[in-house]
Amino acid sequence: MDIDWLISRAKETGTALELNANPNRLDLSAEQLKKVVTSGVVIAVNTDAHRQEMMDHMKIGVATLNKAFVQKEQVMNTWTYEQFQQFTGHKRTLFE
């Protein structure tokens, strides 16, 4: 994957990049996330859970974010509903 191109396109289009916290996937790596952080692109953490116990993958995602020195303001999962609406430009809502 060309991470520099992906970050560039995400920044250009106002798109968040996903950290898939499933330990079998772990897309994006801590090294890649460091590049995302410096670019100002927003990150969304996904557990890729298919069963309840897989929700524990969030701990892996958070550890990866910490390893890359990602600040909570850059992680969509920490936002209020109003912040989320502002990011999406009110084009979508959680309750449509």
PDB file of N, CA and C in Angstrom:
ATOM      1  N   MET A   1       0.836  -1.162   0.000  1.00  0.00           N
ATOM      2  CA  MET A   1       0.000   0.000   0.000  1.00  0.00           C
ATOM      3  C   MET A   1       0.890   1.236   0.000  1.00  0.00           C
ATOM      4  N   ASP A   2       0.526   2.205  -0.789  1.00  0.00           N
ATOM      5  CA  ASP A   2       1.250   3.474  -0.836  1.00  0.00           C
ATOM      6  C   ASP A   2       0.635   4.409   0.202  1.00  0.00           C
ATOM      7  N   ILE A   3       1.152   4.372   1.406  1.00  0.00           N
ATOM      8  CA  ILE A   3       0.575   5.118   2.521  1.00  0.00           C
ATOM      9  C   ILE A   3       0.636   6.619   2.286  1.00  0.00           C
ATOM     10  N   ASP A   4       1.679   7.099   1.641  1.00  0.00           N
ATOM     11  CA  ASP A   4       1.780   8.535   1.386  1.00  0.00           C
ATOM     12  C   ASP A   4       0.666   9.002   0.452  1.00  0.00           C
ATOM     13  N   TRP A   5       0.372   8.222  -0.577  1.00  0.00           N
ATOM     14  CA  TRP A   5      -0.718   8.548  -1.500  1.00  0.00           C
ATOM     15  C   TRP A   5      -2.050   8.508  -0.768  1.00  0.00           C
ATOM     16  N   LEU A   6      -2.244   7.481   0.054  1.00  0.00           N
ATOM     17  CA  LEU A   6      -3.493   7.314   0.795  1.00  0.00           C
ATOM     18  C   LEU A   6      -3.726   8.494   1.743  1.00  0.00           C
ATOM     19  N   ILE A   7      -2.707   8.891   2.442  1.00  0.00           N
ATOM     20  CA  ILE A   7      -2.817  10.040   3.353  1.00  0.00           C
ATOM     21  C   ILE A   7      -3.129  11.307   2.566  1.00  0.00           C
ATOM     22  N   SER A   8      -2.446  11.485   1.466  1.00  0.00           N
ATOM     23  CA  SER A   8      -2.665  12.660   0.627  1.00  0.00           C
ATOM     24  C   SER A   8      -4.114  12.733   0.145  1.00  0.00           C
ATOM     25  N   ARG A   9      -4.640  11.628  -0.328  1.00  0.00           N
ATOM     26  CA  ARG A   9      -6.029  11.590  -0.805  1.00  0.00           C
ATOM     27  C   ARG A   9      -7.013  11.803   0.338  1.00  0.00           C
ATOM     28  N   ALA A  10      -6.739  11.229   1.505  1.00  0.00           N
ATOM     29  CA  ALA A  10      -7.614  11.416   2.659  1.00  0.00           C
ATOM     30  C   ALA A  10      -7.657  12.883   3.060  1.00  0.00           C
ATOM     31  N   LYS A  11      -6.503  13.523   3.063  1.00  0.00           N
ATOM     32  CA  LYS A  11      -6.440  14.943   3.410  1.00  0.00           C
ATOM     33  C   LYS A  11      -7.188  15.775   2.382  1.00  0.00           C
ATOM     34  N   GLU A  12      -6.982  15.468   1.122  1.00  0.00           N
ATOM     35  CA  GLU A  12      -7.622  16.204   0.033  1.00  0.00           C
ATOM     36  C   GLU A  12      -9.147  16.092   0.061  1.00  0.00           C
ATOM     37  N   THR A  13      -9.647  14.933   0.434  1.00  0.00           N
ATOM     38  CA  THR A  13     -11.088  14.680   0.397  1.00  0.00           C
ATOM     39  C   THR A  13     -11.770  14.809   1.754  1.00  0.00           C
ATOM     40  N   GLY A  14     -11.014  15.092   2.804  1.00  0.00           N
ATOM     41  CA  GLY A  14     -11.596  15.198   4.137  1.00  0.00           C
ATOM     42  C   GLY A  14     -12.114  13.866   4.651  1.00  0.00           C
ATOM     43  N   THR A  15     -11.366  12.804   4.352  1.00  0.00           N
ATOM     44  CA  THR A  15     -11.753  11.441   4.713  1.00  0.00           C
ATOM     45  C   THR A  15     -10.921  10.947   5.893  1.00  0.00           C
ATOM     46  N   ALA A  16     -11.556  10.277   6.832  1.00  0.00           N
ATOM     47  CA  ALA A  16     -10.829   9.668   7.948  1.00  0.00           C
ATOM     48  C   ALA A  16     -10.192   8.364   7.475  1.00  0.00           C
ATOM     49  N   LEU A  17      -9.066   8.015   8.062  1.00  0.00           N
ATOM     50  CA  LEU A  17      -8.439   6.718   7.811  1.00  0.00           C
ATOM     51  C   LEU A  17      -8.742   5.787   8.974  1.00  0.00           C
ATOM     52  N   GLU A  18      -8.914   4.528   8.671  1.00  0.00           N
ATOM     53  CA  GLU A  18      -9.296   3.530   9.671  1.00  0.00           C
ATOM     54  C   GLU A  18      -8.100   2.765  10.202  1.00  0.00           C
ATOM     55  N   LEU A  19      -8.047   2.662  11.517  1.00  0.00           N
ATOM     56  CA  LEU A  19      -7.134   1.734  12.171  1.00  0.00           C
ATOM     57  C   LEU A  19      -7.954   0.499  12.506  1.00  0.00           C
ATOM     58  N   ASN A  20      -7.745  -0.588  11.795  1.00  0.00           N
ATOM     59  CA  ASN A  20      -8.419  -1.844  12.085  1.00  0.00           C
ATOM     60  C   ASN A  20      -7.625  -2.518  13.189  1.00  0.00           C
ATOM     61  N   ALA A  21      -8.207  -2.596  14.386  1.00  0.00           N
ATOM     62  CA  ALA A  21      -7.490  -3.074  15.574  1.00  0.00           C
ATOM     63  C   ALA A  21      -7.490  -4.587  15.735  1.00  0.00           C
ATOM     64  N   ASN A  22      -8.043  -5.310  14.779  1.00  0.00           N
ATOM     65  CA  ASN A  22      -7.988  -6.768  14.832  1.00  0.00           C
ATOM     66  C   ASN A  22      -6.518  -7.179  14.744  1.00  0.00           C
ATOM     67  N   PRO A  23      -6.008  -7.960  15.707  1.00  0.00           N
ATOM     68  CA  PRO A  23      -4.584  -8.307  15.706  1.00  0.00           C
ATOM     69  C   PRO A  23      -4.147  -9.095  14.471  1.00  0.00           C
ATOM     70  N   ASN A  24      -5.079  -9.704  13.777  1.00  0.00           N
ATOM     71  CA  ASN A  24      -4.738 -10.413  12.539  1.00  0.00           C
ATOM     72  C   ASN A  24      -4.625  -9.472  11.354  1.00  0.00           C
ATOM     73  N   ARG A  25      -5.082  -8.242  11.520  1.00  0.00           N
ATOM     74  CA  ARG A  25      -5.040  -7.251  10.442  1.00  0.00           C
ATOM     75  C   ARG A  25      -4.113  -6.098  10.810  1.00  0.00           C
ATOM     76  N   LEU A  26      -4.510  -5.373  11.860  1.00  0.00           N
ATOM     77  CA  LEU A  26      -3.806  -4.185  12.340  1.00  0.00           C
ATOM     78  C   LEU A  26      -3.386  -3.245  11.209  1.00  0.00           C
ATOM     79  N   ASP A  27      -4.386  -2.883  10.399  1.00  0.00           N
ATOM     80  CA  ASP A  27      -4.168  -1.850   9.381  1.00  0.00           C
ATOM     81  C   ASP A  27      -4.541  -0.545  10.061  1.00  0.00           C
ATOM     82  N   LEU A  28      -3.871   0.296  10.292  1.00  0.00           N
ATOM     83  CA  LEU A  28      -2.594   0.877   9.992  1.00  0.00           C
ATOM     84  C   LEU A  28      -1.599   0.539  11.114  1.00  0.00           C
ATOM     85  N   SER A  29      -0.338   0.483  10.756  1.00  0.00           N
ATOM     86  CA  SER A  29       0.700   0.224  11.760  1.00  0.00           C
ATOM     87  C   SER A  29       1.027   1.513  12.508  1.00  0.00           C
ATOM     88  N   ALA A  30       1.737   1.380  13.608  1.00  0.00           N
ATOM     89  CA  ALA A  30       2.157   2.559  14.376  1.00  0.00           C
ATOM     90  C   ALA A  30       3.016   3.477  13.513  1.00  0.00           C
ATOM     91  N   GLU A  31       3.886   2.913  12.714  1.00  0.00           N
ATOM     92  CA  GLU A  31       4.739   3.738  11.842  1.00  0.00           C
ATOM     93  C   GLU A  31       3.902   4.514  10.827  1.00  0.00           C
ATOM     94  N   GLN A  32       2.906   3.861  10.253  1.00  0.00           N
ATOM     95  CA  GLN A  32       2.027   4.541   9.301  1.00  0.00           C
ATOM     96  C   GLN A  32       1.201   5.606  10.010  1.00  0.00           C
ATOM     97  N   LEU A  33       0.735   5.308  11.225  1.00  0.00           N
ATOM     98  CA  LEU A  33      -0.052   6.276  11.984  1.00  0.00           C
ATOM     99  C   LEU A  33       0.754   7.529  12.312  1.00  0.00           C
ATOM    100  N   LYS A  34       2.045   7.388  12.511  1.00  0.00           N
ATOM    101  CA  LYS A  34       2.885   8.564  12.774  1.00  0.00           C
ATOM    102  C   LYS A  34       2.823   9.528  11.591  1.00  0.00           C
ATOM    103  N   LYS A  35       2.796   8.994  10.378  1.00  0.00           N
ATOM    104  CA  LYS A  35       2.662   9.834   9.184  1.00  0.00           C
ATOM    105  C   LYS A  35       1.278  10.472   9.128  1.00  0.00           C
ATOM    106  N   VAL A  36       0.266   9.713   9.509  1.00  0.00           N
ATOM    107  CA  VAL A  36      -1.098  10.238   9.525  1.00  0.00           C
ATOM    108  C   VAL A  36      -1.181  11.401  10.507  1.00  0.00           C
ATOM    109  N   VAL A  37      -0.585  11.243  11.681  1.00  0.00           N
ATOM    110  CA  VAL A  37      -0.610  12.271  12.715  1.00  0.00           C
ATOM    111  C   VAL A  37      -0.027  13.575  12.196  1.00  0.00           C
ATOM    112  N   THR A  38       1.118  13.513  11.559  1.00  0.00           N
ATOM    113  CA  THR A  38       1.770  14.743  11.089  1.00  0.00           C
ATOM    114  C   THR A  38       1.004  15.389   9.944  1.00  0.00           C
ATOM    115  N   SER A  39       0.173  14.630   9.245  1.00  0.00           N
ATOM    116  CA  SER A  39      -0.595  15.174   8.119  1.00  0.00           C
ATOM    117  C   SER A  39      -1.866  15.878   8.570  1.00  0.00           C
ATOM    118  N   GLY A  40      -2.332  15.566   9.792  1.00  0.00           N
ATOM    119  CA  GLY A  40      -3.572  16.150  10.276  1.00  0.00           C
ATOM    120  C   GLY A  40      -4.821  15.391   9.861  1.00  0.00           C
ATOM    121  N   VAL A  41      -4.668  14.233   9.249  1.00  0.00           N
ATOM    122  CA  VAL A  41      -5.817  13.420   8.847  1.00  0.00           C
ATOM    123  C   VAL A  41      -6.417  12.759  10.084  1.00  0.00           C
ATOM    124  N   VAL A  42      -7.728  12.648  10.094  1.00  0.00           N
ATOM    125  CA  VAL A  42      -8.476  12.066  11.201  1.00  0.00           C
ATOM    126  C   VAL A  42      -8.402  10.546  11.154  1.00  0.00           C
ATOM    127  N   ILE A  43      -8.429   9.909  12.327  1.00  0.00           N
ATOM    128  CA  ILE A  43      -8.363   8.453  12.436  1.00  0.00           C
ATOM    129  C   ILE A  43      -9.635   7.934  13.094  1.00  0.00           C
ATOM    130  N   ALA A  44     -10.147   6.832  12.575  1.00  0.00           N
ATOM    131  CA  ALA A  44     -11.258   6.106  13.194  1.00  0.00           C
ATOM    132  C   ALA A  44     -10.742   4.724  13.569  1.00  0.00           C
ATOM    133  N   VAL A  45     -11.009   4.299  14.801  1.00  0.00           N
ATOM    134  CA  VAL A  45     -10.559   2.978  15.255  1.00  0.00           C
ATOM    135  C   VAL A  45     -11.731   2.012  15.176  1.00  0.00           C
ATOM    136  N   ASN A  46     -11.482   0.860  14.570  1.00  0.00           N
ATOM    137  CA  ASN A  46     -12.494  -0.166  14.366  1.00  0.00           C
ATOM    138  C   ASN A  46     -11.979  -1.475  14.953  1.00  0.00           C
ATOM    139  N   THR A  47     -12.793  -2.155  15.735  1.00  0.00           N
ATOM    140  CA  THR A  47     -12.369  -3.429  16.319  1.00  0.00           C
ATOM    141  C   THR A  47     -12.524  -4.594  15.349  1.00  0.00           C
ATOM    142  N   ASP A  48     -13.286  -4.408  14.281  1.00  0.00           N
ATOM    143  CA  ASP A  48     -13.585  -5.482  13.329  1.00  0.00           C
ATOM    144  C   ASP A  48     -14.229  -6.670  14.047  1.00  0.00           C
ATOM    145  N   ALA A  49     -15.040  -6.348  15.076  1.00  0.00           N
ATOM    146  CA  ALA A  49     -15.636  -7.392  15.920  1.00  0.00           C
ATOM    147  C   ALA A  49     -16.777  -8.110  15.208  1.00  0.00           C
ATOM    148  N   HIS A  50     -16.708  -9.426  15.245  1.00  0.00           N
ATOM    149  CA  HIS A  50     -17.777 -10.273  14.723  1.00  0.00           C
ATOM    150  C   HIS A  50     -18.420 -11.077  15.854  1.00  0.00           C
ATOM    151  N   ARG A  51     -17.826 -10.959  17.031  1.00  0.00           N
ATOM    152  CA  ARG A  51     -18.349 -11.577  18.256  1.00  0.00           C
ATOM    153  C   ARG A  51     -18.065 -10.613  19.399  1.00  0.00           C
ATOM    154  N   GLN A  52     -18.842 -10.719  20.459  1.00  0.00           N
ATOM    155  CA  GLN A  52     -18.715  -9.784  21.582  1.00  0.00           C
ATOM    156  C   GLN A  52     -17.289  -9.741  22.136  1.00  0.00           C
ATOM    157  N   GLU A  53     -16.657 -10.894  22.284  1.00  0.00           N
ATOM    158  CA  GLU A  53     -15.312 -10.912  22.880  1.00  0.00           C
ATOM    159  C   GLU A  53     -14.271 -10.203  22.008  1.00  0.00           C
ATOM    160  N   MET A  54     -14.584 -10.016  20.745  1.00  0.00           N
ATOM    161  CA  MET A  54     -13.654  -9.317  19.851  1.00  0.00           C
ATOM    162  C   MET A  54     -13.641  -7.806  20.112  1.00  0.00           C
ATOM    163  N   MET A  55     -14.579  -7.321  20.917  1.00  0.00           N
ATOM    164  CA  MET A  55     -14.568  -5.897  21.283  1.00  0.00           C
ATOM    165  C   MET A  55     -13.300  -5.550  22.067  1.00  0.00           C
ATOM    166  N   ASP A  56     -12.682  -6.560  22.680  1.00  0.00           N
ATOM    167  CA  ASP A  56     -11.417  -6.342  23.396  1.00  0.00           C
ATOM    168  C   ASP A  56     -10.292  -5.895  22.460  1.00  0.00           C
ATOM    169  N   HIS A  57     -10.483  -6.038  21.159  1.00  0.00           N
ATOM    170  CA  HIS A  57      -9.473  -5.570  20.204  1.00  0.00           C
ATOM    171  C   HIS A  57      -9.243  -4.065  20.315  1.00  0.00           C
ATOM    172  N   MET A  58     -10.219  -3.365  20.893  1.00  0.00           N
ATOM    173  CA  MET A  58     -10.055  -1.920  21.054  1.00  0.00           C
ATOM    174  C   MET A  58      -8.805  -1.612  21.880  1.00  0.00           C
ATOM    175  N   LYS A  59      -8.477  -2.475  22.841  1.00  0.00           N
ATOM    176  CA  LYS A  59      -7.262  -2.272  23.645  1.00  0.00           C
ATOM    177  C   LYS A  59      -6.022  -2.293  22.752  1.00  0.00           C
ATOM    178  N   ILE A  60      -6.021  -3.157  21.764  1.00  0.00           N
ATOM    179  CA  ILE A  60      -4.900  -3.235  20.820  1.00  0.00           C
ATOM    180  C   ILE A  60      -4.844  -1.964  19.979  1.00  0.00           C
ATOM    181  N   GLY A  61      -6.008  -1.508  19.545  1.00  0.00           N
ATOM    182  CA  GLY A  61      -6.071  -0.266  18.771  1.00  0.00           C
ATOM    183  C   GLY A  61      -5.559   0.916  19.564  1.00  0.00           C
ATOM    184  N   VAL A  62      -5.977   1.030  20.811  1.00  0.00           N
ATOM    185  CA  VAL A  62      -5.540   2.133  21.666  1.00  0.00           C
ATOM    186  C   VAL A  62      -4.036   2.045  21.916  1.00  0.00           C
ATOM    187  N   ALA A  63      -3.525   0.857  22.134  1.00  0.00           N
ATOM    188  CA  ALA A  63      -2.074   0.687  22.336  1.00  0.00           C
ATOM    189  C   ALA A  63      -1.306   1.117  21.088  1.00  0.00           C
ATOM    190  N   THR A  64      -1.839   0.802  19.919  1.00  0.00           N
ATOM    191  CA  THR A  64      -1.190   1.197  18.660  1.00  0.00           C
ATOM    192  C   THR A  64      -1.225   2.713  18.505  1.00  0.00           C
ATOM    193  N   LEU A  65      -2.361   3.335  18.846  1.00  0.00           N
ATOM    194  CA  LEU A  65      -2.453   4.801  18.805  1.00  0.00           C
ATOM    195  C   LEU A  65      -1.435   5.428  19.751  1.00  0.00           C
ATOM    196  N   ASN A  66      -1.310   4.879  20.953  1.00  0.00           N
ATOM    197  CA  ASN A  66      -0.346   5.402  21.921  1.00  0.00           C
ATOM    198  C   ASN A  66       1.087   5.268  21.419  1.00  0.00           C
ATOM    199  N   LYS A  67       1.365   4.152  20.786  1.00  0.00           N
ATOM    200  CA  LYS A  67       2.714   3.912  20.247  1.00  0.00           C
ATOM    201  C   LYS A  67       3.072   4.949  19.178  1.00  0.00           C
ATOM    202  N   ALA A  68       2.055   5.435  18.470  1.00  0.00           N
ATOM    203  CA  ALA A  68       2.266   6.428  17.419  1.00  0.00           C
ATOM    204  C   ALA A  68       2.088   7.859  17.919  1.00  0.00           C
ATOM    205  N   PHE A  69       1.831   8.022  19.223  1.00  0.00           N
ATOM    206  CA  PHE A  69       1.652   9.339  19.841  1.00  0.00           C
ATOM    207  C   PHE A  69       0.465  10.106  19.255  1.00  0.00           C
ATOM    208  N   VAL A  70      -0.599   9.390  18.931  1.00  0.00           N
ATOM    209  CA  VAL A  70      -1.807  10.016  18.407  1.00  0.00           C
ATOM    210  C   VAL A  70      -2.563  10.668  19.564  1.00  0.00           C
ATOM    211  N   GLN A  71      -2.982  11.896  19.366  1.00  0.00           N
ATOM    212  CA  GLN A  71      -3.751  12.625  20.373  1.00  0.00           C
ATOM    213  C   GLN A  71      -5.239  12.321  20.197  1.00  0.00           C
ATOM    214  N   LYS A  72      -5.977  12.331  21.284  1.00  0.00           N
ATOM    215  CA  LYS A  72      -7.388  11.943  21.237  1.00  0.00           C
ATOM    216  C   LYS A  72      -8.199  12.830  20.300  1.00  0.00           C
ATOM    217  N   GLU A  73      -7.831  14.077  20.136  1.00  0.00           N
ATOM    218  CA  GLU A  73      -8.571  14.980  19.253  1.00  0.00           C
ATOM    219  C   GLU A  73      -8.540  14.522  17.796  1.00  0.00           C
ATOM    220  N   GLN A  74      -7.543  13.727  17.451  1.00  0.00           N
ATOM    221  CA  GLN A  74      -7.410  13.255  16.074  1.00  0.00           C
ATOM    222  C   GLN A  74      -8.138  11.927  15.854  1.00  0.00           C
ATOM    223  N   VAL A  75      -8.731  11.370  16.914  1.00  0.00           N
ATOM    224  CA  VAL A  75      -9.410  10.082  16.829  1.00  0.00           C
ATOM    225  C   VAL A  75     -10.917  10.305  16.882  1.00  0.00           C
ATOM    226  N   MET A  76     -11.567  10.026  15.804  1.00  0.00           N
ATOM    227  CA  MET A  76     -12.999  10.250  15.655  1.00  0.00           C
ATOM    228  C   MET A  76     -13.817   9.582  16.764  1.00  0.00           C
ATOM    229  N   ASN A  77     -13.362   8.441  17.253  1.00  0.00           N
ATOM    230  CA  ASN A  77     -14.094   7.711  18.296  1.00  0.00           C
ATOM    231  C   ASN A  77     -14.243   8.498  19.595  1.00  0.00           C
ATOM    232  N   THR A  78     -13.423   9.508  19.796  1.00  0.00           N
ATOM    233  CA  THR A  78     -13.466  10.276  21.041  1.00  0.00           C
ATOM    234  C   THR A  78     -14.346  11.516  20.930  1.00  0.00           C
ATOM    235  N   TRP A  79     -14.856  11.790  19.752  1.00  0.00           N
ATOM    236  CA  TRP A  79     -15.597  13.024  19.509  1.00  0.00           C
ATOM    237  C   TRP A  79     -17.013  12.975  20.051  1.00  0.00           C
ATOM    238  N   THR A  80     -17.555  14.149  20.258  1.00  0.00           N
ATOM    239  CA  THR A  80     -18.974  14.266  20.569  1.00  0.00           C
ATOM    240  C   THR A  80     -19.763  14.096  19.271  1.00  0.00           C
ATOM    241  N   TYR A  81     -21.042  13.895  19.413  1.00  0.00           N
ATOM    242  CA  TYR A  81     -21.916  13.782  18.245  1.00  0.00           C
ATOM    243  C   TYR A  81     -21.846  15.059  17.396  1.00  0.00           C
ATOM    244  N   GLU A  82     -21.775  16.202  18.062  1.00  0.00           N
ATOM    245  CA  GLU A  82     -21.710  17.474  17.348  1.00  0.00           C
ATOM    246  C   GLU A  82     -20.416  17.596  16.553  1.00  0.00           C
ATOM    247  N   GLN A  83     -19.293  17.153  17.129  1.00  0.00           N
ATOM    248  CA  GLN A  83     -18.019  17.178  16.406  1.00  0.00           C
ATOM    249  C   GLN A  83     -18.074  16.251  15.187  1.00  0.00           C
ATOM    250  N   PHE A  84     -18.699  15.091  15.384  1.00  0.00           N
ATOM    251  CA  PHE A  84     -18.842  14.142  14.282  1.00  0.00           C
ATOM    252  C   PHE A  84     -19.683  14.754  13.164  1.00  0.00           C
ATOM    253  N   GLN A  85     -20.785  15.399  13.526  1.00  0.00           N
ATOM    254  CA  GLN A  85     -21.638  16.040  12.517  1.00  0.00           C
ATOM    255  C   GLN A  85     -20.867  17.121  11.770  1.00  0.00           C
ATOM    256  N   GLN A  86     -20.075  17.887  12.479  1.00  0.00           N
ATOM    257  CA  GLN A  86     -19.297  18.946  11.836  1.00  0.00           C
ATOM    258  C   GLN A  86     -18.311  18.346  10.832  1.00  0.00           C
ATOM    259  N   PHE A  87     -17.657  17.264  11.211  1.00  0.00           N
ATOM    260  CA  PHE A  87     -16.694  16.608  10.317  1.00  0.00           C
ATOM    261  C   PHE A  87     -17.369  16.087   9.052  1.00  0.00           C
ATOM    262  N   THR A  88     -18.534  15.502   9.218  1.00  0.00           N
ATOM    263  CA  THR A  88     -19.226  14.927   8.059  1.00  0.00           C
ATOM    264  C   THR A  88     -20.004  15.980   7.281  1.00  0.00           C
ATOM    265  N   GLY A  89     -19.977  17.203   7.765  1.00  0.00           N
ATOM    266  CA  GLY A  89     -20.665  18.266   7.058  1.00  0.00           C
ATOM    267  C   GLY A  89     -22.171  18.146   7.117  1.00  0.00           C
ATOM    268  N   HIS A  90     -22.694  17.492   8.158  1.00  0.00           N
ATOM    269  CA  HIS A  90     -24.128  17.300   8.332  1.00  0.00           C
ATOM    270  C   HIS A  90     -24.763  16.531   7.177  1.00  0.00           C
ATOM    271  N   LYS A  91     -23.933  15.856   6.379  1.00  0.00           N
ATOM    272  CA  LYS A  91     -24.463  15.081   5.250  1.00  0.00           C
ATOM    273  C   LYS A  91     -25.140  13.809   5.717  1.00  0.00           C
ATOM    274  N   ARG A  92     -24.687  13.291   6.833  1.00  0.00           N
ATOM    275  CA  ARG A  92     -25.245  12.056   7.378  1.00  0.00           C
ATOM    276  C   ARG A  92     -25.453  12.244   8.867  1.00  0.00           C
ATOM    277  N   THR A  93     -26.385  11.481   9.409  1.00  0.00           N
ATOM    278  CA  THR A  93     -26.546  11.454  10.856  1.00  0.00           C
ATOM    279  C   THR A  93     -26.547  10.016  11.314  1.00  0.00           C
ATOM    280  N   LEU A  94     -26.326   9.821  12.575  1.00  0.00           N
ATOM    281  CA  LEU A  94     -26.298   8.455  13.122  1.00  0.00           C
ATOM    282  C   LEU A  94     -27.683   7.833  13.162  1.00  0.00           C
ATOM    283  N   PHE A  95     -28.730   8.649  13.061  1.00  0.00           N
ATOM    284  CA  PHE A  95     -30.076   8.132  13.272  1.00  0.00           C
ATOM    285  C   PHE A  95     -30.962   8.245  12.039  1.00  0.00           C
ATOM    286  N   GLU A  96     -30.379   8.259  10.846  1.00  0.00           N
ATOM    287  CA  GLU A  96     -31.199   8.297   9.618  1.00  0.00           C
ATOM    288  C   GLU A  96     -31.910   7.006   9.399  1.00  0.00           C
TER     289      GLU A  96
END
